Amino acid sequence: MNTTLRLAQQPEADELLGRSPLAALVGMLLDQQVPMEWAFSGPYTIAQRMHVDDLDAGAIAAYAPEAFAELLKEKPAVHRYPGSMAKRIQQLCQFLVEEYGGDAAGVWTGVASGAELLARLQALPGFGEQKAKIFLALLGKQLGVRPKGWREAAGSYGEANCFRSVADITGPESLTKVRAYKQEAKAAARAAKPAK
C-alpha cells in the first residue's frame, strides 16, 4: 500500500495514511464528531508523539492505557474525546494483534469477496456497518483493494462518481462536494423528523 491520499489535507499526514494500513484504519476510527481532516491527521500526530515513522499495532496495544490517553490529550488533542478514543484505538490494535498478528492489511489481504471484506471490517472494534462500508469504499476507490462485489458490499458509498464520504475525497474540490452532500443529508434527516 503506497498511494497518495488527501484526507488530512496536510502532506505528511496524508503520506502516512497512504503507506500505512494501520494509520488508515485509525484515521477512519477517529472520523466521528470531529472534522474529517482532524480525524485523519490523528495517526500522524500519534506517530510523532510516539517518536516513530509508522504506527505499530503491537506497540499501541502494549502501551500503558493511561499514558496512551495522555498522548492523545496533549495539545492540540488528537480528538474531541481523546480519552475514549485512546481506549478505542488500543482495542482496535489489540484485536489486530490477536486476529491478524498485528498486520492491519491482513484485514483485507486475500479476501474472496466484498461481502467477506465487509464482515471482516464490521468485526473490528469501533467499526459499525456504516463506517465499515465507507472504509470498504475507500479501499476499493483509492487503495486498489477490489474483491469481487466490493461496490455492492459498500452500498451507496461504493457508487462511482459520487461524493458521499471520505472514500470520494481526492483533494479540496471533492472535499467541498462531500461536505455539501453531508449537509444536505443532515438537513433532509432533520426535515423528515416529525415535529414534537
C-alpha atoms as a PDB file:
ATOM      1  CA  MET A   1       0.000   0.000   0.000  1.00  0.00           C
ATOM      2  CA  ASN A   2       1.612   3.202  -1.132  1.00  0.00           C
ATOM      3  CA  THR A   3      -0.900   5.645  -2.533  1.00  0.00           C
ATOM      4  CA  THR A   4      -1.302   9.361  -2.116  1.00  0.00           C
ATOM      5  CA  LEU A   5      -4.410  10.086  -0.086  1.00  0.00           C
ATOM      6  CA  ARG A   6      -5.712  13.582   0.600  1.00  0.00           C
ATOM      7  CA  LEU A   7      -7.901  13.011   3.626  1.00  0.00           C
ATOM      8  CA  ALA A   8      -5.967  15.007   6.233  1.00  0.00           C
ATOM      9  CA  GLN A   9      -5.259  17.780   3.718  1.00  0.00           C
ATOM     10  CA  GLN A  10      -1.697  18.020   5.043  1.00  0.00           C
ATOM     11  CA  PRO A  11       1.126  16.305   3.131  1.00  0.00           C
ATOM     12  CA  GLU A  12       2.933  14.444   5.950  1.00  0.00           C
ATOM     13  CA  ALA A  13      -0.271  13.095   7.477  1.00  0.00           C
ATOM     14  CA  ASP A  14      -1.644  12.076   4.062  1.00  0.00           C
ATOM     15  CA  GLU A  15       1.637  10.385   3.136  1.00  0.00           C
ATOM     16  CA  LEU A  16       1.408   8.231   6.275  1.00  0.00           C
ATOM     17  CA  LEU A  17      -2.230   7.329   5.533  1.00  0.00           C
ATOM     18  CA  GLY A  18      -1.259   6.268   2.011  1.00  0.00           C
ATOM     19  CA  ARG A  19       1.517   3.917   3.086  1.00  0.00           C
ATOM     20  CA  SER A  20       0.266   2.613   6.421  1.00  0.00           C
ATOM     21  CA  PRO A  21      -2.789   0.335   6.587  1.00  0.00           C
ATOM     22  CA  LEU A  22      -2.955   0.829  10.359  1.00  0.00           C
ATOM     23  CA  ALA A  23      -2.847   4.618  10.052  1.00  0.00           C
ATOM     24  CA  ALA A  24      -5.730   4.478   7.555  1.00  0.00           C
ATOM     25  CA  LEU A  25      -7.781   2.284   9.906  1.00  0.00           C
ATOM     26  CA  VAL A  26      -7.053   4.526  12.902  1.00  0.00           C
ATOM     27  CA  GLY A  27      -7.972   7.626  10.890  1.00  0.00           C
ATOM     28  CA  MET A  28     -11.288   6.015   9.964  1.00  0.00           C
ATOM     29  CA  LEU A  29     -11.876   5.073  13.597  1.00  0.00           C
ATOM     30  CA  LEU A  30     -11.282   8.696  14.654  1.00  0.00           C
ATOM     31  CA  ASP A  31     -13.616  10.018  11.945  1.00  0.00           C
ATOM     32  CA  GLN A  32     -16.640  10.860  14.062  1.00  0.00           C
ATOM     33  CA  GLN A  33     -17.773  14.029  15.812  1.00  0.00           C
ATOM     34  CA  VAL A  34     -14.772  15.981  14.508  1.00  0.00           C
ATOM     35  CA  PRO A  35     -13.899  17.454  11.100  1.00  0.00           C
ATOM     36  CA  MET A  36     -12.555  14.791   8.768  1.00  0.00           C
ATOM     37  CA  GLU A  37      -9.167  16.482   8.362  1.00  0.00           C
ATOM     38  CA  TRP A  38      -8.709  16.492  12.146  1.00  0.00           C
ATOM     39  CA  ALA A  39      -9.569  12.787  12.354  1.00  0.00           C
ATOM     40  CA  PHE A  40      -7.260  11.717   9.535  1.00  0.00           C
ATOM     41  CA  SER A  41      -4.391  13.859  10.865  1.00  0.00           C
ATOM     42  CA  GLY A  42      -4.628  11.883  14.115  1.00  0.00           C
ATOM     43  CA  PRO A  43      -2.485   8.888  13.095  1.00  0.00           C
ATOM     44  CA  TYR A  44       0.378  11.194  12.075  1.00  0.00           C
ATOM     45  CA  THR A  45       0.099  13.141  15.339  1.00  0.00           C
ATOM     46  CA  ILE A  46       0.154   9.884  17.326  1.00  0.00           C
ATOM     47  CA  ALA A  47       3.208   8.630  15.402  1.00  0.00           C
ATOM     48  CA  GLN A  48       5.010  11.943  16.029  1.00  0.00           C
ATOM     49  CA  ARG A  49       4.266  11.776  19.741  1.00  0.00           C
ATOM     50  CA  MET A  50       5.445   8.152  19.898  1.00  0.00           C
ATOM     51  CA  HIS A  51       8.622   9.201  18.003  1.00  0.00           C
ATOM     52  CA  VAL A  52       8.071   6.658  15.218  1.00  0.00           C
ATOM     53  CA  ASP A  53       7.538   6.976  11.474  1.00  0.00           C
ATOM     54  CA  ASP A  54       4.670   4.459  11.380  1.00  0.00           C
ATOM     55  CA  LEU A  55       2.089   3.117  13.770  1.00  0.00           C
ATOM     56  CA  ASP A  56       2.608  -0.372  15.162  1.00  0.00           C
ATOM     57  CA  ALA A  57      -0.402  -2.321  16.420  1.00  0.00           C
ATOM     58  CA  GLY A  58       1.662  -4.329  18.905  1.00  0.00           C
ATOM     59  CA  ALA A  59       3.319  -1.240  20.385  1.00  0.00           C
ATOM     60  CA  ILE A  60      -0.010   0.593  20.733  1.00  0.00           C
ATOM     61  CA  ALA A  61      -1.760  -2.463  22.196  1.00  0.00           C
ATOM     62  CA  ALA A  62       1.030  -2.832  24.778  1.00  0.00           C
ATOM     63  CA  TYR A  63       1.109   0.880  25.709  1.00  0.00           C
ATOM     64  CA  ALA A  64       0.006   1.711  29.268  1.00  0.00           C
ATOM     65  CA  PRO A  65      -3.635   2.853  28.818  1.00  0.00           C
ATOM     66  CA  GLU A  66      -3.257   5.992  30.975  1.00  0.00           C
ATOM     67  CA  ALA A  67      -0.072   7.015  29.178  1.00  0.00           C
ATOM     68  CA  PHE A  68      -1.644   6.431  25.763  1.00  0.00           C
ATOM     69  CA  ALA A  69      -4.646   8.540  26.747  1.00  0.00           C
ATOM     70  CA  GLU A  70      -2.277  11.324  27.840  1.00  0.00           C
ATOM     71  CA  LEU A  71      -0.524  11.094  24.475  1.00  0.00           C
ATOM     72  CA  LEU A  72      -3.834  11.813  22.720  1.00  0.00           C
ATOM     73  CA  LYS A  73      -4.803  14.559  25.193  1.00  0.00           C
ATOM     74  CA  GLU A  74      -1.632  16.639  24.619  1.00  0.00           C
ATOM     75  CA  LYS A  75      -2.420  19.974  22.999  1.00  0.00           C
ATOM     76  CA  PRO A  76      -3.593  20.012  20.310  1.00  0.00           C
ATOM     77  CA  ALA A  77      -5.687  16.977  21.221  1.00  0.00           C
ATOM     78  CA  VAL A  78      -5.960  14.186  18.669  1.00  0.00           C
ATOM     79  CA  HIS A  79      -9.764  14.149  19.023  1.00  0.00           C
ATOM     80  CA  ARG A  80     -12.568  15.973  20.798  1.00  0.00           C
ATOM     81  CA  TYR A  81     -12.813  12.893  23.076  1.00  0.00           C
ATOM     82  CA  PRO A  82      -9.168  11.839  23.414  1.00  0.00           C
ATOM     83  CA  GLY A  83      -9.638   9.547  26.419  1.00  0.00           C
ATOM     84  CA  SER A  84     -12.379   7.406  24.904  1.00  0.00           C
ATOM     85  CA  MET A  85     -10.662   7.414  21.505  1.00  0.00           C
ATOM     86  CA  ALA A  86      -7.368   6.284  23.058  1.00  0.00           C
ATOM     87  CA  LYS A  87      -9.234   3.305  24.516  1.00  0.00           C
ATOM     88  CA  ARG A  88     -10.869   2.528  21.148  1.00  0.00           C
ATOM     89  CA  ILE A  89      -7.566   2.726  19.273  1.00  0.00           C
ATOM     90  CA  GLN A  90      -5.966   0.341  21.764  1.00  0.00           C
ATOM     91  CA  GLN A  91      -8.931  -2.063  21.464  1.00  0.00           C
ATOM     92  CA  LEU A  92      -8.574  -1.980  17.664  1.00  0.00           C
ATOM     93  CA  CYS A  93      -4.831  -2.647  17.908  1.00  0.00           C
ATOM     94  CA  GLN A  94      -5.318  -5.477  20.414  1.00  0.00           C
ATOM     95  CA  PHE A  95      -7.832  -7.074  18.045  1.00  0.00           C
ATOM     96  CA  LEU A  96      -5.416  -6.729  15.107  1.00  0.00           C
ATOM     97  CA  VAL A  97      -2.635  -8.331  17.148  1.00  0.00           C
ATOM     98  CA  GLU A  98      -4.869 -11.253  18.204  1.00  0.00           C
ATOM     99  CA  GLU A  99      -6.591 -11.848  14.857  1.00  0.00           C
ATOM    100  CA  TYR A 100      -4.035 -10.706  12.261  1.00  0.00           C
ATOM    101  CA  GLY A 101      -0.659 -10.864  14.000  1.00  0.00           C
ATOM    102  CA  GLY A 102      -0.639  -7.062  14.186  1.00  0.00           C
ATOM    103  CA  ASP A 103      -0.870  -6.682  10.387  1.00  0.00           C
ATOM    104  CA  ALA A 104      -3.693  -4.231   9.635  1.00  0.00           C
ATOM    105  CA  ALA A 105      -3.577  -5.093   5.914  1.00  0.00           C
ATOM    106  CA  GLY A 106      -4.392  -8.658   6.931  1.00  0.00           C
ATOM    107  CA  VAL A 107      -7.981  -7.487   7.314  1.00  0.00           C
ATOM    108  CA  TRP A 108      -8.287  -7.219   3.523  1.00  0.00           C
ATOM    109  CA  THR A 109      -5.447  -9.356   2.180  1.00  0.00           C
ATOM    110  CA  GLY A 110      -6.744 -12.427   0.387  1.00  0.00           C
ATOM    111  CA  VAL A 111     -10.451 -11.793   0.847  1.00  0.00           C
ATOM    112  CA  ALA A 112     -12.555 -13.546  -1.783  1.00  0.00           C
ATOM    113  CA  SER A 113     -15.496 -11.141  -1.887  1.00  0.00           C
ATOM    114  CA  GLY A 114     -16.761  -7.729  -0.936  1.00  0.00           C
ATOM    115  CA  ALA A 115     -19.174  -9.385   1.489  1.00  0.00           C
ATOM    116  CA  GLU A 116     -16.290 -11.152   3.263  1.00  0.00           C
ATOM    117  CA  LEU A 117     -14.334  -7.895   3.466  1.00  0.00           C
ATOM    118  CA  LEU A 118     -17.354  -6.057   4.855  1.00  0.00           C
ATOM    119  CA  ALA A 119     -17.792  -8.771   7.506  1.00  0.00           C
ATOM    120  CA  ARG A 120     -14.112  -8.501   8.482  1.00  0.00           C
ATOM    121  CA  LEU A 121     -14.325  -4.712   8.748  1.00  0.00           C
ATOM    122  CA  GLN A 122     -17.522  -4.878  10.815  1.00  0.00           C
ATOM    123  CA  ALA A 123     -15.759  -7.253  13.215  1.00  0.00           C
ATOM    124  CA  LEU A 124     -13.196  -4.544  14.040  1.00  0.00           C
ATOM    125  CA  PRO A 125     -13.759  -2.759  17.368  1.00  0.00           C
ATOM    126  CA  GLY A 126     -15.310   0.647  16.728  1.00  0.00           C
ATOM    127  CA  PHE A 127     -16.431  -0.176  13.181  1.00  0.00           C
ATOM    128  CA  GLY A 128     -20.189  -0.295  12.775  1.00  0.00           C
ATOM    129  CA  GLU A 129     -21.911  -1.041   9.478  1.00  0.00           C
ATOM    130  CA  GLN A 130     -21.670   2.488   8.062  1.00  0.00           C
ATOM    131  CA  LYS A 131     -18.007   3.002   8.999  1.00  0.00           C
ATOM    132  CA  ALA A 132     -17.163  -0.439   7.576  1.00  0.00           C
ATOM    133  CA  LYS A 133     -18.919   0.351   4.275  1.00  0.00           C
ATOM    134  CA  ILE A 134     -17.184   3.718   3.974  1.00  0.00           C
ATOM    135  CA  PHE A 135     -13.768   2.158   4.628  1.00  0.00           C
ATOM    136  CA  LEU A 136     -14.517  -0.641   2.157  1.00  0.00           C
ATOM    137  CA  ALA A 137     -15.340   2.043  -0.437  1.00  0.00           C
ATOM    138  CA  LEU A 138     -12.083   3.864   0.401  1.00  0.00           C
ATOM    139  CA  LEU A 139     -10.133   0.635  -0.080  1.00  0.00           C
ATOM    140  CA  GLY A 140     -11.787  -0.002  -3.440  1.00  0.00           C
ATOM    141  CA  LYS A 141     -11.835   3.515  -4.839  1.00  0.00           C
ATOM    142  CA  GLN A 142      -8.419   4.764  -3.734  1.00  0.00           C
ATOM    143  CA  LEU A 143      -6.277   1.880  -2.487  1.00  0.00           C
ATOM    144  CA  GLY A 144      -6.872  -0.748  -5.176  1.00  0.00           C
ATOM    145  CA  VAL A 145      -8.442  -3.357  -2.877  1.00  0.00           C
ATOM    146  CA  ARG A 146     -11.262  -4.626  -5.092  1.00  0.00           C
ATOM    147  CA  PRO A 147     -12.503  -8.122  -4.308  1.00  0.00           C
ATOM    148  CA  LYS A 148     -15.470  -9.331  -6.341  1.00  0.00           C
ATOM    149  CA  GLY A 149     -18.637  -7.465  -5.373  1.00  0.00           C
ATOM    150  CA  TRP A 150     -16.849  -4.742  -3.408  1.00  0.00           C
ATOM    151  CA  ARG A 151     -19.037  -1.923  -4.750  1.00  0.00           C
ATOM    152  CA  GLU A 152     -22.213  -3.776  -3.836  1.00  0.00           C
ATOM    153  CA  ALA A 153     -20.887  -4.582  -0.356  1.00  0.00           C
ATOM    154  CA  ALA A 154     -20.043  -0.897   0.175  1.00  0.00           C
ATOM    155  CA  GLY A 155     -23.632   0.054  -0.690  1.00  0.00           C
ATOM    156  CA  SER A 156     -24.199   3.626  -1.848  1.00  0.00           C
ATOM    157  CA  TYR A 157     -20.639   4.511  -0.742  1.00  0.00           C
ATOM    158  CA  GLY A 158     -19.291   2.215  -3.463  1.00  0.00           C
ATOM    159  CA  GLU A 159     -21.039   4.009  -6.317  1.00  0.00           C
ATOM    160  CA  ALA A 160     -18.771   5.567  -8.929  1.00  0.00           C
ATOM    161  CA  ASN A 161     -18.710   9.331  -9.457  1.00  0.00           C
ATOM    162  CA  CYS A 162     -20.400  10.251  -6.196  1.00  0.00           C
ATOM    163  CA  PHE A 163     -19.314  12.495  -3.325  1.00  0.00           C
ATOM    164  CA  ARG A 164     -20.740  10.864  -0.184  1.00  0.00           C
ATOM    165  CA  SER A 165     -17.809  10.096   2.102  1.00  0.00           C
ATOM    166  CA  VAL A 166     -14.055  10.116   2.696  1.00  0.00           C
ATOM    167  CA  ALA A 167     -13.832   7.406   0.022  1.00  0.00           C
ATOM    168  CA  ASP A 168     -14.569  10.104  -2.574  1.00  0.00           C
ATOM    169  CA  ILE A 169     -12.123  12.763  -1.377  1.00  0.00           C
ATOM    170  CA  THR A 170      -9.100  13.276  -3.592  1.00  0.00           C
ATOM    171  CA  GLY A 171      -8.454  16.964  -2.912  1.00  0.00           C
ATOM    172  CA  PRO A 172     -10.004  20.249  -1.763  1.00  0.00           C
ATOM    173  CA  GLU A 173     -12.674  20.339  -4.506  1.00  0.00           C
ATOM    174  CA  SER A 174     -14.042  16.868  -3.748  1.00  0.00           C
ATOM    175  CA  LEU A 175     -13.859  17.633  -0.006  1.00  0.00           C
ATOM    176  CA  THR A 176     -16.159  20.606  -0.600  1.00  0.00           C
ATOM    177  CA  LYS A 177     -18.579  18.388  -2.546  1.00  0.00           C
ATOM    178  CA  VAL A 178     -18.635  15.730   0.195  1.00  0.00           C
ATOM    179  CA  ARG A 179     -19.251  18.406   2.854  1.00  0.00           C
ATOM    180  CA  ALA A 180     -22.156  19.789   0.798  1.00  0.00           C
ATOM    181  CA  TYR A 181     -23.632  16.283   0.416  1.00  0.00           C
ATOM    182  CA  LYS A 182     -23.392  15.659   4.177  1.00  0.00           C
ATOM    183  CA  GLN A 183     -25.046  18.989   4.985  1.00  0.00           C
ATOM    184  CA  GLU A 184     -27.899  18.208   2.577  1.00  0.00           C
ATOM    185  CA  ALA A 185     -28.316  14.742   4.111  1.00  0.00           C
ATOM    186  CA  LYS A 186     -28.447  16.193   7.648  1.00  0.00           C
ATOM    187  CA  ALA A 187     -30.985  18.832   6.584  1.00  0.00           C
ATOM    188  CA  ALA A 188     -33.141  16.152   4.939  1.00  0.00           C
ATOM    189  CA  ALA A 189     -32.955  13.991   8.074  1.00  0.00           C
ATOM    190  CA  ARG A 190     -33.989  16.938  10.260  1.00  0.00           C
ATOM    191  CA  ALA A 191     -36.867  17.794   7.913  1.00  0.00           C
ATOM    192  CA  ALA A 192     -38.062  14.175   7.970  1.00  0.00           C
ATOM    193  CA  LYS A 193     -38.313  14.098  11.784  1.00  0.00           C
ATOM    194  CA  PRO A 194     -41.879  14.561  12.985  1.00  0.00           C
ATOM    195  CA  ALA A 195     -42.489  17.766  14.965  1.00  0.00           C
ATOM    196  CA  LYS A 196     -42.794  17.264  18.714  1.00  0.00           C
END
